[in-house]
Amino acid sequence: MKKIILGALLSTIVGAAFAGNADFTLVNRTGYAINEVFISPSKQSNWGKDRLGENQFMHGQSRKFKFGDTKNCKQDIQVVFTDGDEVEWEDINLCEVNKVTLKYNKKTGDVSADLE
């Protein structure tokens, strides 16, 4: 009986340890300053709250974001630039990457991301 309880306890502890282990670094290589960052499960219409806060996220900067929603690994990222334009990156599996480098060509509308 003790082995079963210990095994269940260990699996709970290990599961809790990995529950928030999907944190990632976001790199701004868009060429523009960003005022807001939203992260939401893919295909969901509600973006929730701005994850960036008060500071602007300048081109070339990187920032660590906490991500613990490992039940919904595929997420969309939306940014709002200083001019008010909004751009989205879709279906990024945040459980499998440590770094997301956002790229955007405003002239062509091309949106891409390097995932590491």
PDB file of N, CA and C in Angstrom:
ATOM      1  N   MET A   1       0.828  -1.198   0.000  1.00  0.00           N
ATOM      2  CA  MET A   1       0.000   0.000   0.000  1.00  0.00           C
ATOM      3  C   MET A   1       0.868   1.257   0.000  1.00  0.00           C
ATOM      4  N   LYS A   2       1.952   1.258   0.748  1.00  0.00           N
ATOM      5  CA  LYS A   2       2.822   2.433   0.815  1.00  0.00           C
ATOM      6  C   LYS A   2       3.453   2.723  -0.544  1.00  0.00           C
ATOM      7  N   LYS A   3       3.817   1.678  -1.304  1.00  0.00           N
ATOM      8  CA  LYS A   3       4.435   1.883  -2.613  1.00  0.00           C
ATOM      9  C   LYS A   3       3.470   2.564  -3.580  1.00  0.00           C
ATOM     10  N   ILE A   4       2.212   2.174  -3.543  1.00  0.00           N
ATOM     11  CA  ILE A   4       1.207   2.773  -4.428  1.00  0.00           C
ATOM     12  C   ILE A   4       1.007   4.238  -4.080  1.00  0.00           C
ATOM     13  N   ILE A   5       0.907   4.545  -2.801  1.00  0.00           N
ATOM     14  CA  ILE A   5       0.723   5.930  -2.375  1.00  0.00           C
ATOM     15  C   ILE A   5       1.943   6.761  -2.732  1.00  0.00           C
ATOM     16  N   LEU A   6       3.146   6.227  -2.496  1.00  0.00           N
ATOM     17  CA  LEU A   6       4.371   6.940  -2.817  1.00  0.00           C
ATOM     18  C   LEU A   6       4.459   7.184  -4.320  1.00  0.00           C
ATOM     19  N   GLY A   7       4.100   6.165  -5.124  1.00  0.00           N
ATOM     20  CA  GLY A   7       4.115   6.324  -6.577  1.00  0.00           C
ATOM     21  C   GLY A   7       3.146   7.395  -7.036  1.00  0.00           C
ATOM     22  N   ALA A   8       1.957   7.418  -6.470  1.00  0.00           N
ATOM     23  CA  ALA A   8       0.966   8.435  -6.822  1.00  0.00           C
ATOM     24  C   ALA A   8       1.451   9.812  -6.406  1.00  0.00           C
ATOM     25  N   LEU A   9       2.059   9.903  -5.237  1.00  0.00           N
ATOM     26  CA  LEU A   9       2.584  11.178  -4.747  1.00  0.00           C
ATOM     27  C   LEU A   9       3.708  11.666  -5.642  1.00  0.00           C
ATOM     28  N   LEU A  10       4.614  10.760  -6.018  1.00  0.00           N
ATOM     29  CA  LEU A  10       5.719  11.130  -6.893  1.00  0.00           C
ATOM     30  C   LEU A  10       5.223  11.603  -8.255  1.00  0.00           C
ATOM     31  N   SER A  11       4.256  10.921  -8.832  1.00  0.00           N
ATOM     32  CA  SER A  11       3.746  11.341 -10.135  1.00  0.00           C
ATOM     33  C   SER A  11       3.053  12.691 -10.038  1.00  0.00           C
ATOM     34  N   THR A  12       2.401  12.985  -8.922  1.00  0.00           N
ATOM     35  CA  THR A  12       1.780  14.289  -8.710  1.00  0.00           C
ATOM     36  C   THR A  12       2.840  15.377  -8.613  1.00  0.00           C
ATOM     37  N   ILE A  13       3.907  15.103  -7.871  1.00  0.00           N
ATOM     38  CA  ILE A  13       4.984  16.086  -7.712  1.00  0.00           C
ATOM     39  C   ILE A  13       5.671  16.333  -9.045  1.00  0.00           C
ATOM     40  N   VAL A  14       5.995  15.274  -9.783  1.00  0.00           N
ATOM     41  CA  VAL A  14       6.648  15.419 -11.080  1.00  0.00           C
ATOM     42  C   VAL A  14       5.737  16.161 -12.048  1.00  0.00           C
ATOM     43  N   GLY A  15       4.453  15.832 -12.069  1.00  0.00           N
ATOM     44  CA  GLY A  15       3.498  16.531 -12.932  1.00  0.00           C
ATOM     45  C   GLY A  15       3.419  18.000 -12.597  1.00  0.00           C
ATOM     46  N   ALA A  16       3.424  18.345 -11.308  1.00  0.00           N
ATOM     47  CA  ALA A  16       3.384  19.744 -10.888  1.00  0.00           C
ATOM     48  C   ALA A  16       4.660  20.465 -11.287  1.00  0.00           C
ATOM     49  N   ALA A  17       5.788  19.761 -11.220  1.00  0.00           N
ATOM     50  CA  ALA A  17       7.063  20.379 -11.580  1.00  0.00           C
ATOM     51  C   ALA A  17       7.099  20.745 -13.053  1.00  0.00           C
ATOM     52  N   PHE A  18       6.469  19.933 -13.912  1.00  0.00           N
ATOM     53  CA  PHE A  18       6.473  20.211 -15.343  1.00  0.00           C
ATOM     54  C   PHE A  18       5.290  21.042 -15.798  1.00  0.00           C
ATOM     55  N   ALA A  19       4.323  21.284 -14.931  1.00  0.00           N
ATOM     56  CA  ALA A  19       3.103  21.990 -15.324  1.00  0.00           C
ATOM     57  C   ALA A  19       3.388  23.378 -15.861  1.00  0.00           C
ATOM     58  N   GLY A  20       4.341  24.102 -15.286  1.00  0.00           N
ATOM     59  CA  GLY A  20       4.660  25.441 -15.744  1.00  0.00           C
ATOM     60  C   GLY A  20       5.930  25.481 -16.555  1.00  0.00           C
ATOM     61  N   ASN A  21       6.364  24.340 -17.071  1.00  0.00           N
ATOM     62  CA  ASN A  21       7.644  24.229 -17.723  1.00  0.00           C
ATOM     63  C   ASN A  21       7.607  24.625 -19.195  1.00  0.00           C
ATOM     64  N   ALA A  22       6.605  25.336 -19.620  1.00  0.00           N
ATOM     65  CA  ALA A  22       6.500  25.755 -21.017  1.00  0.00           C
ATOM     66  C   ALA A  22       6.818  27.238 -21.169  1.00  0.00           C
ATOM     67  N   ASP A  23       7.482  27.832 -20.186  1.00  0.00           N
ATOM     68  CA  ASP A  23       7.895  29.225 -20.298  1.00  0.00           C
ATOM     69  C   ASP A  23       8.772  29.377 -21.541  1.00  0.00           C
ATOM     70  N   PHE A  24       8.746  30.549 -22.146  1.00  0.00           N
ATOM     71  CA  PHE A  24       9.504  30.743 -23.373  1.00  0.00           C
ATOM     72  C   PHE A  24      10.003  32.171 -23.470  1.00  0.00           C
ATOM     73  N   THR A  25      11.009  32.370 -24.304  1.00  0.00           N
ATOM     74  CA  THR A  25      11.553  33.693 -24.585  1.00  0.00           C
ATOM     75  C   THR A  25      10.989  34.167 -25.908  1.00  0.00           C
ATOM     76  N   LEU A  26      10.470  35.379 -25.905  1.00  0.00           N
ATOM     77  CA  LEU A  26       9.936  35.999 -27.117  1.00  0.00           C
ATOM     78  C   LEU A  26      10.935  37.041 -27.592  1.00  0.00           C
ATOM     79  N   VAL A  27      11.307  36.970 -28.864  1.00  0.00           N
ATOM     80  CA  VAL A  27      12.267  37.904 -29.451  1.00  0.00           C
ATOM     81  C   VAL A  27      11.547  38.735 -30.501  1.00  0.00           C
ATOM     82  N   ASN A  28      11.694  40.051 -30.418  1.00  0.00           N
ATOM     83  CA  ASN A  28      11.064  40.962 -31.372  1.00  0.00           C
ATOM     84  C   ASN A  28      12.031  41.267 -32.508  1.00  0.00           C
ATOM     85  N   ARG A  29      11.827  40.631 -33.650  1.00  0.00           N
ATOM     86  CA  ARG A  29      12.593  40.908 -34.864  1.00  0.00           C
ATOM     87  C   ARG A  29      11.646  41.400 -35.958  1.00  0.00           C
ATOM     88  N   THR A  30      10.621  42.145 -35.547  1.00  0.00           N
ATOM     89  CA  THR A  30       9.622  42.638 -36.496  1.00  0.00           C
ATOM     90  C   THR A  30      10.062  43.913 -37.194  1.00  0.00           C
ATOM     91  N   GLY A  31      11.013  44.614 -36.593  1.00  0.00           N
ATOM     92  CA  GLY A  31      11.422  45.913 -37.130  1.00  0.00           C
ATOM     93  C   GLY A  31      10.659  47.066 -36.505  1.00  0.00           C
ATOM     94  N   TYR A  32       9.745  46.756 -35.587  1.00  0.00           N
ATOM     95  CA  TYR A  32       8.891  47.781 -34.988  1.00  0.00           C
ATOM     96  C   TYR A  32       8.785  47.579 -33.481  1.00  0.00           C
ATOM     97  N   ALA A  33       8.519  48.673 -32.775  1.00  0.00           N
ATOM     98  CA  ALA A  33       8.264  48.589 -31.335  1.00  0.00           C
ATOM     99  C   ALA A  33       6.860  48.044 -31.098  1.00  0.00           C
ATOM    100  N   ILE A  34       6.725  47.219 -30.070  1.00  0.00           N
ATOM    101  CA  ILE A  34       5.447  46.591 -29.726  1.00  0.00           C
ATOM    102  C   ILE A  34       4.941  47.177 -28.414  1.00  0.00           C
ATOM    103  N   ASN A  35       3.648  47.531 -28.380  1.00  0.00           N
ATOM    104  CA  ASN A  35       3.029  48.055 -27.158  1.00  0.00           C
ATOM    105  C   ASN A  35       2.319  46.991 -26.338  1.00  0.00           C
ATOM    106  N   GLU A  36       1.778  45.951 -27.010  1.00  0.00           N
ATOM    107  CA  GLU A  36       1.003  44.934 -26.304  1.00  0.00           C
ATOM    108  C   GLU A  36       1.298  43.554 -26.885  1.00  0.00           C
ATOM    109  N   VAL A  37       1.270  42.533 -26.014  1.00  0.00           N
ATOM    110  CA  VAL A  37       1.438  41.146 -26.419  1.00  0.00           C
ATOM    111  C   VAL A  37       0.306  40.332 -25.788  1.00  0.00           C
ATOM    112  N   PHE A  38      -0.386  39.554 -26.605  1.00  0.00           N
ATOM    113  CA  PHE A  38      -1.467  38.689 -26.123  1.00  0.00           C
ATOM    114  C   PHE A  38      -1.145  37.251 -26.515  1.00  0.00           C
ATOM    115  N   ILE A  39      -1.422  36.322 -25.618  1.00  0.00           N
ATOM    116  CA  ILE A  39      -1.213  34.899 -25.868  1.00  0.00           C
ATOM    117  C   ILE A  39      -2.512  34.196 -25.526  1.00  0.00           C
ATOM    118  N   SER A  40      -3.021  33.409 -26.485  1.00  0.00           N
ATOM    119  CA  SER A  40      -4.324  32.774 -26.302  1.00  0.00           C
ATOM    120  C   SER A  40      -4.333  31.411 -26.983  1.00  0.00           C
ATOM    121  N   PRO A  41      -5.083  30.446 -26.426  1.00  0.00           N
ATOM    122  CA  PRO A  41      -5.197  29.159 -27.120  1.00  0.00           C
ATOM    123  C   PRO A  41      -5.630  29.373 -28.566  1.00  0.00           C
ATOM    124  N   SER A  42      -5.028  28.603 -29.477  1.00  0.00           N
ATOM    125  CA  SER A  42      -5.317  28.746 -30.905  1.00  0.00           C
ATOM    126  C   SER A  42      -6.810  28.665 -31.189  1.00  0.00           C
ATOM    127  N   LYS A  43      -7.230  29.493 -32.104  1.00  0.00           N
ATOM    128  CA  LYS A  43      -8.614  29.548 -32.595  1.00  0.00           C
ATOM    129  C   LYS A  43      -9.618  30.074 -31.569  1.00  0.00           C
ATOM    130  N   GLN A  44      -9.144  30.567 -30.449  1.00  0.00           N
ATOM    131  CA  GLN A  44     -10.053  31.160 -29.463  1.00  0.00           C
ATOM    132  C   GLN A  44     -10.176  32.651 -29.763  1.00  0.00           C
ATOM    133  N   SER A  45     -11.348  33.204 -29.641  1.00  0.00           N
ATOM    134  CA  SER A  45     -11.562  34.604 -30.003  1.00  0.00           C
ATOM    135  C   SER A  45     -11.226  35.580 -28.877  1.00  0.00           C
ATOM    136  N   ASN A  46     -11.113  35.112 -27.658  1.00  0.00           N
ATOM    137  CA  ASN A  46     -10.816  35.988 -26.521  1.00  0.00           C
ATOM    138  C   ASN A  46      -9.308  36.012 -26.265  1.00  0.00           C
ATOM    139  N   TRP A  47      -8.695  37.187 -26.395  1.00  0.00           N
ATOM    140  CA  TRP A  47      -7.258  37.312 -26.214  1.00  0.00           C
ATOM    141  C   TRP A  47      -6.844  37.473 -24.754  1.00  0.00           C
ATOM    142  N   GLY A  48      -7.758  37.852 -23.896  1.00  0.00           N
ATOM    143  CA  GLY A  48      -7.379  38.042 -22.494  1.00  0.00           C
ATOM    144  C   GLY A  48      -6.622  39.344 -22.285  1.00  0.00           C
ATOM    145  N   LYS A  49      -5.762  39.360 -21.283  1.00  0.00           N
ATOM    146  CA  LYS A  49      -5.063  40.602 -20.923  1.00  0.00           C
ATOM    147  C   LYS A  49      -3.708  40.718 -21.617  1.00  0.00           C
ATOM    148  N   ASP A  50      -3.262  41.952 -21.740  1.00  0.00           N
ATOM    149  CA  ASP A  50      -1.948  42.251 -22.298  1.00  0.00           C
ATOM    150  C   ASP A  50      -0.887  41.640 -21.398  1.00  0.00           C
ATOM    151  N   ARG A  51       0.017  40.845 -21.958  1.00  0.00           N
ATOM    152  CA  ARG A  51       1.056  40.174 -21.178  1.00  0.00           C
ATOM    153  C   ARG A  51       2.340  40.992 -21.101  1.00  0.00           C
ATOM    154  N   LEU A  52       2.402  42.097 -21.824  1.00  0.00           N
ATOM    155  CA  LEU A  52       3.631  42.884 -21.872  1.00  0.00           C
ATOM    156  C   LEU A  52       3.745  43.856 -20.703  1.00  0.00           C
ATOM    157  N   GLY A  53       2.640  44.483 -20.351  1.00  0.00           N
ATOM    158  CA  GLY A  53       2.700  45.477 -19.277  1.00  0.00           C
ATOM    159  C   GLY A  53       2.961  46.865 -19.819  1.00  0.00           C
ATOM    160  N   GLU A  54       3.524  47.700 -18.986  1.00  0.00           N
ATOM    161  CA  GLU A  54       3.699  49.120 -19.304  1.00  0.00           C
ATOM    162  C   GLU A  54       4.819  49.412 -20.308  1.00  0.00           C
ATOM    163  N   ASN A  55       5.843  48.604 -20.353  1.00  0.00           N
ATOM    164  CA  ASN A  55       7.020  48.907 -21.167  1.00  0.00           C
ATOM    165  C   ASN A  55       6.818  48.533 -22.625  1.00  0.00           C
ATOM    166  N   GLN A  56       7.436  49.305 -23.507  1.00  0.00           N
ATOM    167  CA  GLN A  56       7.446  48.936 -24.917  1.00  0.00           C
ATOM    168  C   GLN A  56       8.452  47.816 -25.122  1.00  0.00           C
ATOM    169  N   PHE A  57       8.191  47.002 -26.112  1.00  0.00           N
ATOM    170  CA  PHE A  57       9.045  45.876 -26.468  1.00  0.00           C
ATOM    171  C   PHE A  57       9.695  46.252 -27.792  1.00  0.00           C
ATOM    172  N   MET A  58      10.915  46.745 -27.718  1.00  0.00           N
ATOM    173  CA  MET A  58      11.586  47.306 -28.879  1.00  0.00           C
ATOM    174  C   MET A  58      12.137  46.212 -29.799  1.00  0.00           C
ATOM    175  N   HIS A  59      12.311  46.562 -31.084  1.00  0.00           N
ATOM    176  CA  HIS A  59      12.923  45.648 -32.046  1.00  0.00           C
ATOM    177  C   HIS A  59      14.300  45.231 -31.506  1.00  0.00           C
ATOM    178  N   GLY A  60      14.585  43.939 -31.579  1.00  0.00           N
ATOM    179  CA  GLY A  60      15.874  43.424 -31.112  1.00  0.00           C
ATOM    180  C   GLY A  60      15.869  42.956 -29.662  1.00  0.00           C
ATOM    181  N   GLN A  61      14.862  43.342 -28.910  1.00  0.00           N
ATOM    182  CA  GLN A  61      14.782  42.924 -27.511  1.00  0.00           C
ATOM    183  C   GLN A  61      14.193  41.524 -27.389  1.00  0.00           C
ATOM    184  N   SER A  62      14.497  40.887 -26.265  1.00  0.00           N
ATOM    185  CA  SER A  62      13.873  39.604 -25.944  1.00  0.00           C
ATOM    186  C   SER A  62      13.319  39.697 -24.535  1.00  0.00           C
ATOM    187  N   ARG A  63      12.302  38.897 -24.286  1.00  0.00           N
ATOM    188  CA  ARG A  63      11.635  38.914 -22.989  1.00  0.00           C
ATOM    189  C   ARG A  63      11.126  37.518 -22.669  1.00  0.00           C
ATOM    190  N   LYS A  64      11.294  37.105 -21.428  1.00  0.00           N
ATOM    191  CA  LYS A  64      10.811  35.794 -20.961  1.00  0.00           C
ATOM    192  C   LYS A  64       9.338  35.919 -20.585  1.00  0.00           C
ATOM    193  N   PHE A  65       8.536  34.974 -21.068  1.00  0.00           N
ATOM    194  CA  PHE A  65       7.120  34.933 -20.736  1.00  0.00           C
ATOM    195  C   PHE A  65       6.815  33.637 -20.005  1.00  0.00           C
ATOM    196  N   LYS A  66       6.035  33.736 -18.953  1.00  0.00           N
ATOM    197  CA  LYS A  66       5.577  32.569 -18.208  1.00  0.00           C
ATOM    198  C   LYS A  66       4.410  31.958 -18.962  1.00  0.00           C
ATOM    199  N   PHE A  67       4.445  30.632 -19.091  1.00  0.00           N
ATOM    200  CA  PHE A  67       3.356  29.945 -19.763  1.00  0.00           C
ATOM    201  C   PHE A  67       3.128  28.616 -19.067  1.00  0.00           C
ATOM    202  N   GLY A  68       1.979  28.445 -18.469  1.00  0.00           N
ATOM    203  CA  GLY A  68       1.691  27.228 -17.732  1.00  0.00           C
ATOM    204  C   GLY A  68       0.489  26.467 -18.241  1.00  0.00           C
ATOM    205  N   ASP A  69      -0.103  26.897 -19.346  1.00  0.00           N
ATOM    206  CA  ASP A  69      -1.315  26.254 -19.857  1.00  0.00           C
ATOM    207  C   ASP A  69      -0.945  25.064 -20.741  1.00  0.00           C
ATOM    208  N   THR A  70      -0.312  24.049 -20.141  1.00  0.00           N
ATOM    209  CA  THR A  70       0.162  22.911 -20.920  1.00  0.00           C
ATOM    210  C   THR A  70      -0.970  22.015 -21.411  1.00  0.00           C
ATOM    211  N   LYS A  71      -2.197  22.280 -20.999  1.00  0.00           N
ATOM    212  CA  LYS A  71      -3.346  21.548 -21.555  1.00  0.00           C
ATOM    213  C   LYS A  71      -3.704  22.098 -22.934  1.00  0.00           C
ATOM    214  N   ASN A  72      -3.279  23.329 -23.188  1.00  0.00           N
ATOM    215  CA  ASN A  72      -3.511  23.993 -24.482  1.00  0.00           C
ATOM    216  C   ASN A  72      -2.171  24.474 -25.018  1.00  0.00           C
ATOM    217  N   CYS A  73      -1.344  23.549 -25.460  1.00  0.00           N
ATOM    218  CA  CYS A  73       0.012  23.901 -25.899  1.00  0.00           C
ATOM    219  C   CYS A  73       0.026  24.790 -27.139  1.00  0.00           C
ATOM    220  N   LYS A  74      -0.893  24.543 -28.070  1.00  0.00           N
ATOM    221  CA  LYS A  74      -0.927  25.362 -29.283  1.00  0.00           C
ATOM    222  C   LYS A  74      -1.584  26.697 -28.976  1.00  0.00           C
ATOM    223  N   GLN A  75      -0.797  27.739 -29.151  1.00  0.00           N
ATOM    224  CA  GLN A  75      -1.236  29.085 -28.813  1.00  0.00           C
ATOM    225  C   GLN A  75      -1.035  30.019 -30.001  1.00  0.00           C
ATOM    226  N   ASP A  76      -1.825  31.076 -30.021  1.00  0.00           N
ATOM    227  CA  ASP A  76      -1.649  32.167 -30.975  1.00  0.00           C
ATOM    228  C   ASP A  76      -1.054  33.337 -30.209  1.00  0.00           C
ATOM    229  N   ILE A  77      -0.215  34.087 -30.873  1.00  0.00           N
ATOM    230  CA  ILE A  77       0.382  35.291 -30.281  1.00  0.00           C
ATOM    231  C   ILE A  77      -0.059  36.476 -31.125  1.00  0.00           C
ATOM    232  N   GLN A  78      -0.580  37.481 -30.472  1.00  0.00           N
ATOM    233  CA  GLN A  78      -0.975  38.711 -31.161  1.00  0.00           C
ATOM    234  C   GLN A  78      -0.171  39.855 -30.550  1.00  0.00           C
ATOM    235  N   VAL A  79       0.339  40.737 -31.409  1.00  0.00           N
ATOM    236  CA  VAL A  79       1.011  41.936 -30.921  1.00  0.00           C
ATOM    237  C   VAL A  79       0.304  43.160 -31.483  1.00  0.00           C
ATOM    238  N   VAL A  80       0.390  44.231 -30.717  1.00  0.00           N
ATOM    239  CA  VAL A  80      -0.105  45.530 -31.162  1.00  0.00           C
ATOM    240  C   VAL A  80       1.100  46.456 -31.211  1.00  0.00           C
ATOM    241  N   PHE A  81       1.387  46.971 -32.395  1.00  0.00           N
ATOM    242  CA  PHE A  81       2.526  47.870 -32.577  1.00  0.00           C
ATOM    243  C   PHE A  81       2.173  49.276 -32.089  1.00  0.00           C
ATOM    244  N   THR A  82       3.173  50.124 -31.994  1.00  0.00           N
ATOM    245  CA  THR A  82       2.967  51.487 -31.496  1.00  0.00           C
ATOM    246  C   THR A  82       2.029  52.302 -32.384  1.00  0.00           C
ATOM    247  N   ASP A  83       1.905  51.926 -33.681  1.00  0.00           N
ATOM    248  CA  ASP A  83       0.994  52.654 -34.581  1.00  0.00           C
ATOM    249  C   ASP A  83      -0.425  52.089 -34.538  1.00  0.00           C
ATOM    250  N   GLY A  84      -0.653  51.061 -33.686  1.00  0.00           N
ATOM    251  CA  GLY A  84      -1.984  50.481 -33.546  1.00  0.00           C
ATOM    252  C   GLY A  84      -2.237  49.257 -34.413  1.00  0.00           C
ATOM    253  N   ASP A  85      -1.347  48.978 -35.387  1.00  0.00           N
ATOM    254  CA  ASP A  85      -1.505  47.774 -36.217  1.00  0.00           C
ATOM    255  C   ASP A  85      -1.398  46.522 -35.353  1.00  0.00           C
ATOM    256  N   GLU A  86      -2.199  45.509 -35.683  1.00  0.00           N
ATOM    257  CA  GLU A  86      -2.187  44.230 -34.971  1.00  0.00           C
ATOM    258  C   GLU A  86      -1.754  43.125 -35.929  1.00  0.00           C
ATOM    259  N   VAL A  87      -0.925  42.206 -35.429  1.00  0.00           N
ATOM    260  CA  VAL A  87      -0.470  41.074 -36.226  1.00  0.00           C
ATOM    261  C   VAL A  87      -0.539  39.826 -35.355  1.00  0.00           C
ATOM    262  N   GLU A  88      -0.865  38.682 -35.995  1.00  0.00           N
ATOM    263  CA  GLU A  88      -0.987  37.419 -35.264  1.00  0.00           C
ATOM    264  C   GLU A  88      -0.063  36.355 -35.831  1.00  0.00           C
ATOM    265  N   TRP A  89       0.473  35.536 -34.931  1.00  0.00           N
ATOM    266  CA  TRP A  89       1.210  34.332 -35.267  1.00  0.00           C
ATOM    267  C   TRP A  89       0.377  33.195 -34.715  1.00  0.00           C
ATOM    268  N   GLU A  90       0.029  32.209 -35.548  1.00  0.00           N
ATOM    269  CA  GLU A  90      -0.929  31.175 -35.145  1.00  0.00           C
ATOM    270  C   GLU A  90      -0.285  29.807 -34.956  1.00  0.00           C
ATOM    271  N   ASP A  91      -0.924  29.023 -34.079  1.00  0.00           N
ATOM    272  CA  ASP A  91      -0.603  27.610 -33.869  1.00  0.00           C
ATOM    273  C   ASP A  91       0.853  27.346 -33.479  1.00  0.00           C
ATOM    274  N   ILE A  92       1.349  28.093 -32.517  1.00  0.00           N
ATOM    275  CA  ILE A  92       2.705  27.864 -32.015  1.00  0.00           C
ATOM    276  C   ILE A  92       2.604  26.939 -30.806  1.00  0.00           C
ATOM    277  N   ASN A  93       3.277  25.808 -30.877  1.00  0.00           N
ATOM    278  CA  ASN A  93       3.238  24.844 -29.776  1.00  0.00           C
ATOM    279  C   ASN A  93       4.250  25.271 -28.717  1.00  0.00           C
ATOM    280  N   LEU A  94       3.776  25.994 -27.707  1.00  0.00           N
ATOM    281  CA  LEU A  94       4.659  26.534 -26.684  1.00  0.00           C
ATOM    282  C   LEU A  94       5.213  25.469 -25.741  1.00  0.00           C
ATOM    283  N   CYS A  95       4.658  24.275 -25.775  1.00  0.00           N
ATOM    284  CA  CYS A  95       5.191  23.181 -24.951  1.00  0.00           C
ATOM    285  C   CYS A  95       6.448  22.580 -25.574  1.00  0.00           C
ATOM    286  N   GLU A  96       6.679  22.861 -26.851  1.00  0.00           N
ATOM    287  CA  GLU A  96       7.810  22.264 -27.559  1.00  0.00           C
ATOM    288  C   GLU A  96       8.924  23.251 -27.887  1.00  0.00           C
ATOM    289  N   VAL A  97       8.738  24.525 -27.603  1.00  0.00           N
ATOM    290  CA  VAL A  97       9.767  25.518 -27.943  1.00  0.00           C
ATOM    291  C   VAL A  97      10.203  26.286 -26.702  1.00  0.00           C
ATOM    292  N   ASN A  98      11.422  26.786 -26.766  1.00  0.00           N
ATOM    293  CA  ASN A  98      11.951  27.627 -25.686  1.00  0.00           C
ATOM    294  C   ASN A  98      12.072  29.082 -26.113  1.00  0.00           C
ATOM    295  N   LYS A  99      12.107  29.287 -27.446  1.00  0.00           N
ATOM    296  CA  LYS A  99      12.331  30.631 -27.966  1.00  0.00           C
ATOM    297  C   LYS A  99      11.505  30.828 -29.227  1.00  0.00           C
ATOM    298  N   VAL A 100      10.799  31.962 -29.288  1.00  0.00           N
ATOM    299  CA  VAL A 100       9.995  32.326 -30.449  1.00  0.00           C
ATOM    300  C   VAL A 100      10.482  33.684 -30.938  1.00  0.00           C
ATOM    301  N   THR A 101      11.005  33.725 -32.153  1.00  0.00           N
ATOM    302  CA  THR A 101      11.476  34.976 -32.738  1.00  0.00           C
ATOM    303  C   THR A 101      10.452  35.440 -33.767  1.00  0.00           C
ATOM    304  N   LEU A 102       9.785  36.550 -33.458  1.00  0.00           N
ATOM    305  CA  LEU A 102       8.732  37.087 -34.316  1.00  0.00           C
ATOM    306  C   LEU A 102       9.335  37.919 -35.440  1.00  0.00           C
ATOM    307  N   LYS A 103       8.835  37.678 -36.670  1.00  0.00           N
ATOM    308  CA  LYS A 103       9.266  38.443 -37.840  1.00  0.00           C
ATOM    309  C   LYS A 103       8.036  38.927 -38.578  1.00  0.00           C
ATOM    310  N   TYR A 104       8.168  40.125 -39.165  1.00  0.00           N
ATOM    311  CA  TYR A 104       7.033  40.719 -39.856  1.00  0.00           C
ATOM    312  C   TYR A 104       7.536  41.662 -40.931  1.00  0.00           C
ATOM    313  N   ASN A 105       7.009  41.519 -42.135  1.00  0.00           N
ATOM    314  CA  ASN A 105       7.304  42.436 -43.220  1.00  0.00           C
ATOM    315  C   ASN A 105       6.034  43.229 -43.487  1.00  0.00           C
ATOM    316  N   LYS A 106       6.017  44.456 -43.022  1.00  0.00           N
ATOM    317  CA  LYS A 106       4.809  45.281 -43.137  1.00  0.00           C
ATOM    318  C   LYS A 106       4.426  45.540 -44.585  1.00  0.00           C
ATOM    319  N   LYS A 107       5.404  45.711 -45.462  1.00  0.00           N
ATOM    320  CA  LYS A 107       5.122  46.007 -46.865  1.00  0.00           C
ATOM    321  C   LYS A 107       4.399  44.861 -47.575  1.00  0.00           C
ATOM    322  N   THR A 108       4.810  43.628 -47.274  1.00  0.00           N
ATOM    323  CA  THR A 108       4.212  42.472 -47.953  1.00  0.00           C
ATOM    324  C   THR A 108       3.145  41.792 -47.101  1.00  0.00           C
ATOM    325  N   GLY A 109       3.121  42.091 -45.803  1.00  0.00           N
ATOM    326  CA  GLY A 109       2.178  41.449 -44.895  1.00  0.00           C
ATOM    327  C   GLY A 109       2.626  40.068 -44.451  1.00  0.00           C
ATOM    328  N   ASP A 110       3.862  39.674 -44.812  1.00  0.00           N
ATOM    329  CA  ASP A 110       4.373  38.354 -44.421  1.00  0.00           C
ATOM    330  C   ASP A 110       4.652  38.300 -42.923  1.00  0.00           C
ATOM    331  N   VAL A 111       4.123  37.260 -42.300  1.00  0.00           N
ATOM    332  CA  VAL A 111       4.289  37.024 -40.869  1.00  0.00           C
ATOM    333  C   VAL A 111       4.978  35.672 -40.716  1.00  0.00           C
ATOM    334  N   SER A 112       6.068  35.627 -39.953  1.00  0.00           N
ATOM    335  CA  SER A 112       6.747  34.349 -39.720  1.00  0.00           C
ATOM    336  C   SER A 112       7.371  34.355 -38.331  1.00  0.00           C
ATOM    337  N   ALA A 113       7.792  33.180 -37.905  1.00  0.00           N
ATOM    338  CA  ALA A 113       8.453  33.053 -36.604  1.00  0.00           C
ATOM    339  C   ALA A 113       9.482  31.944 -36.684  1.00  0.00           C
ATOM    340  N   ASP A 114      10.641  32.186 -36.096  1.00  0.00           N
ATOM    341  CA  ASP A 114      11.646  31.139 -35.932  1.00  0.00           C
ATOM    342  C   ASP A 114      11.401  30.518 -34.567  1.00  0.00           C
ATOM    343  N   LEU A 115      11.330  29.192 -34.523  1.00  0.00           N
ATOM    344  CA  LEU A 115      11.052  28.468 -33.285  1.00  0.00           C
ATOM    345  C   LEU A 115      12.273  27.631 -32.912  1.00  0.00           C
ATOM    346  N   GLU A 116      12.685  27.771 -31.666  1.00  0.00           N
ATOM    347  CA  GLU A 116      13.818  26.978 -31.162  1.00  0.00           C
ATOM    348  C   GLU A 116      13.404  26.239 -29.922  1.00  0.00           C
TER     349      GLU A 116
END
